[in-house]
Amino acid sequence: MNNKENVWENMPVKGDVKELDAIVSNSGIISLDRDDIVSVLEAEGESFIIKGQADDLAEAIKLTLREIPLDKKVTDMAVAIWCGAPQFPMSEMSSVSNALSEFEAEANILWGVFADPVLGDSFKVVIVATGKEMA
């Protein structure tokens, strides 16, 4: 994870803020908009952006979730799934839901799906999350 503190829309966040710009500036198959990202960043705690990429969507999700700091209890997250195929395989959504629920069952989770032909047959997952220090 990129631990560099940045500012996006006057809100502090650790990670690559260009990913946030890409999310809000693209029309998705299922979109996340500026208000969705702001709602995650405004939640109480420290905000961060993490990403992972793999040929399999479930693996891309797992790789990305592994980057979340272990000392944080995630309360809010926005998950942007980028796929190279022009049509997103909706049959994959159960694996996405299961992986996210297993990770943090009580978190408020928003998600979107975006197409990026540059990815070919692979998937990129970007998670914007806010978490509190674990006691």
N, C-alpha and C. Protein backbone atom coordinates (compact mmCIF):
# COMPACT_ATOMS: atom_id res chain seq x y z
N MET A 1 0.85 -1.18 0.00
CA MET A 1 0.00 0.00 0.00
C MET A 1 0.89 1.24 0.00
N ASN A 2 0.48 2.23 -0.73
CA ASN A 2 1.15 3.52 -0.76
C ASN A 2 0.74 4.27 0.50
N ASN A 3 1.67 4.46 1.43
CA ASN A 3 1.36 5.12 2.70
C ASN A 3 1.49 6.63 2.67
N LYS A 4 1.75 7.17 1.48
CA LYS A 4 1.91 8.62 1.37
C LYS A 4 0.56 9.30 1.59
N GLU A 5 0.57 10.27 2.50
CA GLU A 5 -0.65 11.05 2.78
C GLU A 5 -0.88 12.04 1.64
N ASN A 6 -2.08 12.00 1.06
CA ASN A 6 -2.47 12.90 -0.01
C ASN A 6 -3.77 13.59 0.38
N VAL A 7 -4.20 14.49 -0.47
CA VAL A 7 -5.47 15.17 -0.24
C VAL A 7 -6.29 15.06 -1.52
N TRP A 8 -7.54 14.68 -1.37
CA TRP A 8 -8.48 14.61 -2.48
C TRP A 8 -9.75 15.32 -2.05
N GLU A 9 -10.17 16.34 -2.80
CA GLU A 9 -11.37 17.11 -2.43
C GLU A 9 -11.29 17.61 -0.99
N ASN A 10 -10.12 18.08 -0.59
CA ASN A 10 -9.87 18.61 0.75
C ASN A 10 -9.96 17.58 1.87
N MET A 11 -9.87 16.29 1.52
CA MET A 11 -9.93 15.23 2.52
C MET A 11 -8.63 14.43 2.48
N PRO A 12 -8.04 14.16 3.64
CA PRO A 12 -6.80 13.39 3.66
C PRO A 12 -7.07 11.92 3.35
N VAL A 13 -6.16 11.33 2.59
CA VAL A 13 -6.26 9.91 2.24
C VAL A 13 -4.86 9.40 1.92
N LYS A 14 -4.57 8.18 2.34
CA LYS A 14 -3.29 7.56 2.00
C LYS A 14 -3.47 6.75 0.74
N GLY A 15 -2.58 6.94 -0.22
CA GLY A 15 -2.65 6.18 -1.46
C GLY A 15 -2.69 7.08 -2.68
N ASP A 16 -2.90 6.44 -3.82
CA ASP A 16 -2.87 7.11 -5.12
C ASP A 16 -4.22 7.75 -5.44
N VAL A 17 -4.32 9.06 -5.25
CA VAL A 17 -5.60 9.75 -5.48
C VAL A 17 -6.01 9.76 -6.95
N LYS A 18 -5.10 9.44 -7.86
CA LYS A 18 -5.47 9.35 -9.28
C LYS A 18 -6.52 8.25 -9.48
N GLU A 19 -6.48 7.24 -8.62
CA GLU A 19 -7.49 6.17 -8.70
C GLU A 19 -8.88 6.73 -8.40
N LEU A 20 -8.97 7.68 -7.48
CA LEU A 20 -10.27 8.29 -7.16
C LEU A 20 -10.78 9.11 -8.34
N ASP A 21 -9.87 9.85 -8.96
CA ASP A 21 -10.25 10.62 -10.14
C ASP A 21 -10.77 9.71 -11.25
N ALA A 22 -10.11 8.57 -11.44
CA ALA A 22 -10.54 7.62 -12.47
C ALA A 22 -11.93 7.07 -12.17
N ILE A 23 -12.19 6.78 -10.90
CA ILE A 23 -13.50 6.24 -10.53
C ILE A 23 -14.61 7.24 -10.80
N VAL A 24 -14.44 8.47 -10.36
CA VAL A 24 -15.53 9.46 -10.48
C VAL A 24 -15.66 10.04 -11.89
N SER A 25 -14.64 9.90 -12.72
CA SER A 25 -14.72 10.47 -14.06
C SER A 25 -15.18 9.46 -15.11
N ASN A 26 -15.37 8.21 -14.73
CA ASN A 26 -15.79 7.19 -15.69
C ASN A 26 -17.22 6.74 -15.42
N SER A 27 -17.95 6.56 -16.51
CA SER A 27 -19.28 5.97 -16.39
C SER A 27 -19.06 4.46 -16.31
N GLY A 28 -19.58 3.88 -15.28
CA GLY A 28 -19.39 2.46 -15.12
C GLY A 28 -20.58 1.66 -15.57
N ILE A 29 -20.37 0.36 -15.64
CA ILE A 29 -21.48 -0.57 -15.86
C ILE A 29 -22.41 -0.43 -14.66
N ILE A 30 -21.80 -0.34 -13.49
CA ILE A 30 -22.45 0.04 -12.24
C ILE A 30 -21.53 1.11 -11.66
N SER A 31 -21.99 2.34 -11.55
CA SER A 31 -21.10 3.45 -11.22
C SER A 31 -20.99 3.75 -9.73
N LEU A 32 -19.83 4.24 -9.37
CA LEU A 32 -19.61 4.93 -8.10
C LEU A 32 -19.41 6.39 -8.49
N ASP A 33 -20.01 7.29 -7.75
CA ASP A 33 -19.84 8.69 -8.09
C ASP A 33 -19.08 9.43 -6.98
N ARG A 34 -18.90 10.72 -7.19
CA ARG A 34 -18.17 11.55 -6.23
C ARG A 34 -18.78 11.44 -4.84
N ASP A 35 -20.10 11.50 -4.75
CA ASP A 35 -20.76 11.43 -3.44
C ASP A 35 -20.48 10.11 -2.72
N ASP A 36 -20.41 9.01 -3.48
CA ASP A 36 -20.08 7.71 -2.88
C ASP A 36 -18.69 7.75 -2.26
N ILE A 37 -17.72 8.27 -3.01
CA ILE A 37 -16.34 8.32 -2.52
C ILE A 37 -16.25 9.26 -1.32
N VAL A 38 -16.91 10.41 -1.41
CA VAL A 38 -16.89 11.37 -0.30
C VAL A 38 -17.49 10.74 0.96
N SER A 39 -18.56 9.98 0.82
CA SER A 39 -19.19 9.37 2.01
C SER A 39 -18.23 8.42 2.71
N VAL A 40 -17.40 7.71 1.95
CA VAL A 40 -16.41 6.81 2.55
C VAL A 40 -15.30 7.63 3.22
N LEU A 41 -14.81 8.65 2.54
CA LEU A 41 -13.71 9.45 3.07
C LEU A 41 -14.12 10.28 4.28
N GLU A 42 -15.41 10.63 4.37
CA GLU A 42 -15.87 11.43 5.50
C GLU A 42 -16.16 10.60 6.75
N ALA A 43 -16.16 9.29 6.63
CA ALA A 43 -16.41 8.43 7.79
C ALA A 43 -15.28 8.63 8.80
N GLU A 44 -15.59 8.37 10.06
CA GLU A 44 -14.61 8.57 11.12
C GLU A 44 -13.47 7.55 10.98
N GLY A 45 -12.25 8.03 11.05
CA GLY A 45 -11.08 7.17 10.97
C GLY A 45 -10.12 7.61 9.88
N GLU A 46 -9.15 6.74 9.61
CA GLU A 46 -8.13 7.01 8.61
C GLU A 46 -8.55 6.39 7.28
N SER A 47 -8.41 7.15 6.19
CA SER A 47 -8.82 6.68 4.86
C SER A 47 -7.61 6.27 4.05
N PHE A 48 -7.80 5.25 3.21
CA PHE A 48 -6.70 4.78 2.37
C PHE A 48 -7.25 4.17 1.09
N ILE A 49 -6.37 4.12 0.08
CA ILE A 49 -6.69 3.57 -1.24
C ILE A 49 -5.73 2.42 -1.48
N ILE A 50 -6.27 1.27 -1.83
CA ILE A 50 -5.43 0.12 -2.14
C ILE A 50 -5.91 -0.51 -3.45
N LYS A 51 -5.04 -1.24 -4.11
CA LYS A 51 -5.45 -1.86 -5.37
C LYS A 51 -4.70 -3.17 -5.59
N GLY A 52 -5.31 -4.02 -6.39
CA GLY A 52 -4.71 -5.30 -6.76
C GLY A 52 -5.21 -5.69 -8.14
N GLN A 53 -4.47 -6.55 -8.80
CA GLN A 53 -4.84 -6.98 -10.14
C GLN A 53 -4.50 -8.45 -10.31
N ALA A 54 -5.39 -9.19 -10.98
CA ALA A 54 -5.17 -10.61 -11.25
C ALA A 54 -6.06 -11.03 -12.42
N ASP A 55 -5.79 -12.22 -12.95
CA ASP A 55 -6.59 -12.75 -14.05
C ASP A 55 -7.96 -13.24 -13.58
N ASP A 56 -8.09 -13.50 -12.29
CA ASP A 56 -9.33 -13.99 -11.70
C ASP A 56 -9.87 -12.94 -10.75
N LEU A 57 -11.16 -12.64 -10.83
CA LEU A 57 -11.73 -11.59 -10.00
C LEU A 57 -11.61 -11.89 -8.51
N ALA A 58 -11.91 -13.11 -8.10
CA ALA A 58 -11.81 -13.47 -6.68
C ALA A 58 -10.39 -13.28 -6.18
N GLU A 59 -9.42 -13.64 -6.99
CA GLU A 59 -8.01 -13.47 -6.60
C GLU A 59 -7.65 -11.99 -6.52
N ALA A 60 -8.14 -11.17 -7.45
CA ALA A 60 -7.88 -9.73 -7.41
C ALA A 60 -8.44 -9.12 -6.14
N ILE A 61 -9.64 -9.55 -5.74
CA ILE A 61 -10.25 -9.06 -4.49
C ILE A 61 -9.39 -9.47 -3.30
N LYS A 62 -8.99 -10.74 -3.25
CA LYS A 62 -8.19 -11.23 -2.12
C LYS A 62 -6.86 -10.49 -2.02
N LEU A 63 -6.20 -10.29 -3.16
CA LEU A 63 -4.92 -9.56 -3.17
C LEU A 63 -5.09 -8.15 -2.62
N THR A 64 -6.17 -7.51 -3.00
CA THR A 64 -6.42 -6.14 -2.56
C THR A 64 -6.74 -6.10 -1.07
N LEU A 65 -7.60 -7.00 -0.61
CA LEU A 65 -7.96 -7.02 0.81
C LEU A 65 -6.75 -7.27 1.70
N ARG A 66 -5.78 -8.03 1.21
CA ARG A 66 -4.56 -8.29 1.99
C ARG A 66 -3.75 -7.03 2.26
N GLU A 67 -3.98 -5.99 1.47
CA GLU A 67 -3.24 -4.75 1.62
C GLU A 67 -3.83 -3.82 2.68
N ILE A 68 -5.01 -4.14 3.17
CA ILE A 68 -5.62 -3.30 4.20
C ILE A 68 -4.81 -3.43 5.49
N PRO A 69 -4.46 -2.32 6.11
CA PRO A 69 -3.66 -2.37 7.34
C PRO A 69 -4.35 -3.22 8.42
N LEU A 70 -3.57 -4.11 9.03
CA LEU A 70 -4.11 -5.04 10.01
C LEU A 70 -4.59 -4.36 11.29
N ASP A 71 -4.12 -3.14 11.53
CA ASP A 71 -4.52 -2.45 12.76
C ASP A 71 -5.80 -1.63 12.59
N LYS A 72 -6.47 -1.78 11.45
CA LYS A 72 -7.68 -1.01 11.17
C LYS A 72 -8.92 -1.90 11.14
N LYS A 73 -9.99 -1.41 11.73
CA LYS A 73 -11.31 -2.03 11.59
C LYS A 73 -12.05 -1.17 10.57
N VAL A 74 -12.26 -1.73 9.40
CA VAL A 74 -12.88 -0.99 8.30
C VAL A 74 -14.36 -0.79 8.60
N THR A 75 -14.80 0.46 8.50
CA THR A 75 -16.21 0.79 8.74
C THR A 75 -16.94 1.11 7.44
N ASP A 76 -16.23 1.67 6.48
CA ASP A 76 -16.82 2.07 5.20
C ASP A 76 -15.85 1.77 4.08
N MET A 77 -16.37 1.28 2.95
CA MET A 77 -15.50 1.07 1.79
C MET A 77 -16.28 1.19 0.50
N ALA A 78 -15.56 1.65 -0.51
CA ALA A 78 -16.07 1.67 -1.88
C ALA A 78 -15.14 0.77 -2.68
N VAL A 79 -15.72 -0.16 -3.39
CA VAL A 79 -14.95 -1.14 -4.16
C VAL A 79 -15.21 -0.89 -5.64
N ALA A 80 -14.16 -0.54 -6.38
CA ALA A 80 -14.27 -0.34 -7.82
C ALA A 80 -13.63 -1.54 -8.51
N ILE A 81 -14.41 -2.24 -9.30
CA ILE A 81 -13.93 -3.41 -10.04
C ILE A 81 -13.78 -3.00 -11.49
N TRP A 82 -12.56 -3.11 -11.99
CA TRP A 82 -12.28 -2.77 -13.39
C TRP A 82 -12.07 -4.09 -14.14
N CYS A 83 -12.79 -4.28 -15.24
CA CYS A 83 -12.63 -5.51 -16.02
C CYS A 83 -12.28 -5.16 -17.46
N GLY A 84 -11.47 -6.02 -18.06
CA GLY A 84 -11.06 -5.78 -19.44
C GLY A 84 -12.13 -6.16 -20.44
N ALA A 85 -12.96 -7.12 -20.08
CA ALA A 85 -14.02 -7.56 -21.00
C ALA A 85 -15.10 -6.48 -21.09
N PRO A 86 -15.70 -6.32 -22.27
CA PRO A 86 -16.74 -5.29 -22.41
C PRO A 86 -18.00 -5.60 -21.59
N GLN A 87 -18.21 -6.86 -21.26
CA GLN A 87 -19.35 -7.24 -20.43
C GLN A 87 -18.82 -7.87 -19.15
N PHE A 88 -19.29 -7.37 -18.03
CA PHE A 88 -18.88 -7.90 -16.74
C PHE A 88 -19.62 -9.20 -16.46
N PRO A 89 -18.89 -10.25 -16.06
CA PRO A 89 -19.57 -11.52 -15.75
C PRO A 89 -20.30 -11.43 -14.41
N MET A 90 -21.59 -11.13 -14.45
CA MET A 90 -22.36 -10.94 -13.21
C MET A 90 -22.35 -12.20 -12.34
N SER A 91 -22.06 -13.33 -12.93
CA SER A 91 -21.96 -14.57 -12.14
C SER A 91 -20.83 -14.48 -11.12
N GLU A 92 -19.90 -13.56 -11.34
CA GLU A 92 -18.76 -13.37 -10.43
C GLU A 92 -19.15 -12.59 -9.17
N MET A 93 -20.30 -11.94 -9.17
CA MET A 93 -20.65 -11.07 -8.04
C MET A 93 -20.82 -11.81 -6.73
N SER A 94 -21.22 -13.07 -6.76
CA SER A 94 -21.35 -13.81 -5.50
C SER A 94 -19.99 -13.98 -4.84
N SER A 95 -18.94 -14.21 -5.64
CA SER A 95 -17.60 -14.34 -5.05
C SER A 95 -17.13 -13.00 -4.49
N VAL A 96 -17.51 -11.92 -5.13
CA VAL A 96 -17.16 -10.58 -4.63
C VAL A 96 -17.87 -10.34 -3.29
N SER A 97 -19.17 -10.57 -3.27
CA SER A 97 -19.95 -10.37 -2.03
C SER A 97 -19.43 -11.23 -0.90
N ASN A 98 -19.14 -12.49 -1.19
CA ASN A 98 -18.65 -13.40 -0.16
C ASN A 98 -17.31 -12.94 0.40
N ALA A 99 -16.39 -12.57 -0.47
CA ALA A 99 -15.06 -12.15 -0.01
C ALA A 99 -15.15 -10.89 0.84
N LEU A 100 -15.98 -9.94 0.44
CA LEU A 100 -16.11 -8.70 1.19
C LEU A 100 -16.81 -8.93 2.53
N SER A 101 -17.84 -9.76 2.53
CA SER A 101 -18.57 -10.05 3.77
C SER A 101 -17.68 -10.81 4.77
N GLU A 102 -16.89 -11.73 4.26
CA GLU A 102 -15.98 -12.48 5.14
C GLU A 102 -14.94 -11.54 5.73
N PHE A 103 -14.53 -10.55 4.95
CA PHE A 103 -13.51 -9.63 5.43
C PHE A 103 -14.05 -8.75 6.55
N GLU A 104 -15.17 -8.10 6.32
CA GLU A 104 -15.72 -7.19 7.32
C GLU A 104 -17.24 -7.15 7.17
N ALA A 105 -17.90 -8.03 7.91
CA ALA A 105 -19.34 -8.21 7.77
C ALA A 105 -20.14 -6.96 8.12
N GLU A 106 -19.63 -6.12 9.00
CA GLU A 106 -20.39 -4.96 9.45
C GLU A 106 -20.08 -3.67 8.69
N ALA A 107 -19.16 -3.72 7.76
CA ALA A 107 -18.78 -2.51 7.03
C ALA A 107 -19.88 -2.08 6.06
N ASN A 108 -19.99 -0.78 5.86
CA ASN A 108 -20.86 -0.21 4.84
C ASN A 108 -20.08 -0.29 3.53
N ILE A 109 -20.56 -1.10 2.59
CA ILE A 109 -19.81 -1.35 1.36
C ILE A 109 -20.60 -0.87 0.15
N LEU A 110 -19.97 -0.01 -0.65
CA LEU A 110 -20.50 0.44 -1.94
C LEU A 110 -19.62 -0.17 -3.01
N TRP A 111 -20.15 -0.45 -4.17
CA TRP A 111 -19.29 -0.97 -5.22
C TRP A 111 -19.76 -0.53 -6.59
N GLY A 112 -18.80 -0.56 -7.50
CA GLY A 112 -19.07 -0.20 -8.89
C GLY A 112 -18.25 -1.09 -9.81
N VAL A 113 -18.67 -1.17 -11.04
CA VAL A 113 -17.98 -1.99 -12.05
C VAL A 113 -17.71 -1.10 -13.26
N PHE A 114 -16.47 -1.14 -13.73
CA PHE A 114 -16.03 -0.30 -14.83
C PHE A 114 -15.30 -1.14 -15.87
N ALA A 115 -15.41 -0.74 -17.12
CA ALA A 115 -14.71 -1.42 -18.21
C ALA A 115 -13.42 -0.68 -18.53
N ASP A 116 -12.36 -1.45 -18.76
CA ASP A 116 -11.07 -0.90 -19.20
C ASP A 116 -10.43 -1.91 -20.14
N PRO A 117 -10.61 -1.75 -21.45
CA PRO A 117 -10.11 -2.72 -22.42
C PRO A 117 -8.61 -3.00 -22.31
N VAL A 118 -7.86 -2.06 -21.75
CA VAL A 118 -6.41 -2.23 -21.59
C VAL A 118 -6.10 -3.44 -20.71
N LEU A 119 -7.03 -3.80 -19.82
CA LEU A 119 -6.80 -4.92 -18.90
C LEU A 119 -6.89 -6.28 -19.58
N GLY A 120 -7.41 -6.35 -20.79
CA GLY A 120 -7.53 -7.65 -21.46
C GLY A 120 -8.47 -8.56 -20.68
N ASP A 121 -7.98 -9.74 -20.31
CA ASP A 121 -8.80 -10.71 -19.58
C ASP A 121 -8.64 -10.60 -18.07
N SER A 122 -7.94 -9.57 -17.60
CA SER A 122 -7.70 -9.48 -16.16
C SER A 122 -8.65 -8.49 -15.49
N PHE A 123 -8.56 -8.45 -14.16
CA PHE A 123 -9.38 -7.58 -13.33
C PHE A 123 -8.49 -6.74 -12.44
N LYS A 124 -8.88 -5.49 -12.23
CA LYS A 124 -8.20 -4.62 -11.27
C LYS A 124 -9.24 -4.22 -10.24
N VAL A 125 -8.87 -4.28 -8.97
CA VAL A 125 -9.78 -3.90 -7.90
C VAL A 125 -9.15 -2.75 -7.15
N VAL A 126 -9.91 -1.68 -6.96
CA VAL A 126 -9.47 -0.53 -6.18
C VAL A 126 -10.44 -0.41 -5.01
N ILE A 127 -9.89 -0.39 -3.80
CA ILE A 127 -10.72 -0.24 -2.61
C ILE A 127 -10.35 1.07 -1.93
N VAL A 128 -11.37 1.88 -1.70
CA VAL A 128 -11.23 3.10 -0.92
C VAL A 128 -11.90 2.77 0.41
N ALA A 129 -11.16 2.85 1.49
CA ALA A 129 -11.71 2.43 2.77
C ALA A 129 -11.34 3.41 3.88
N THR A 130 -12.18 3.42 4.88
CA THR A 130 -11.90 4.18 6.09
C THR A 130 -12.01 3.22 7.25
N GLY A 131 -11.01 3.30 8.13
CA GLY A 131 -11.01 2.39 9.26
C GLY A 131 -10.52 3.08 10.53
N LYS A 132 -10.95 2.53 11.63
CA LYS A 132 -10.56 3.03 12.94
C LYS A 132 -9.49 2.12 13.52
N GLU A 133 -8.68 2.70 14.42
CA GLU A 133 -7.68 1.90 15.13
C GLU A 133 -8.40 0.80 15.90
N MET A 134 -7.87 -0.42 15.83
CA MET A 134 -8.46 -1.51 16.60
C MET A 134 -7.96 -1.44 18.03
N ALA A 135 -8.84 -1.66 18.97
CA ALA A 135 -8.48 -1.56 20.39
C ALA A 135 -7.69 -2.78 20.84
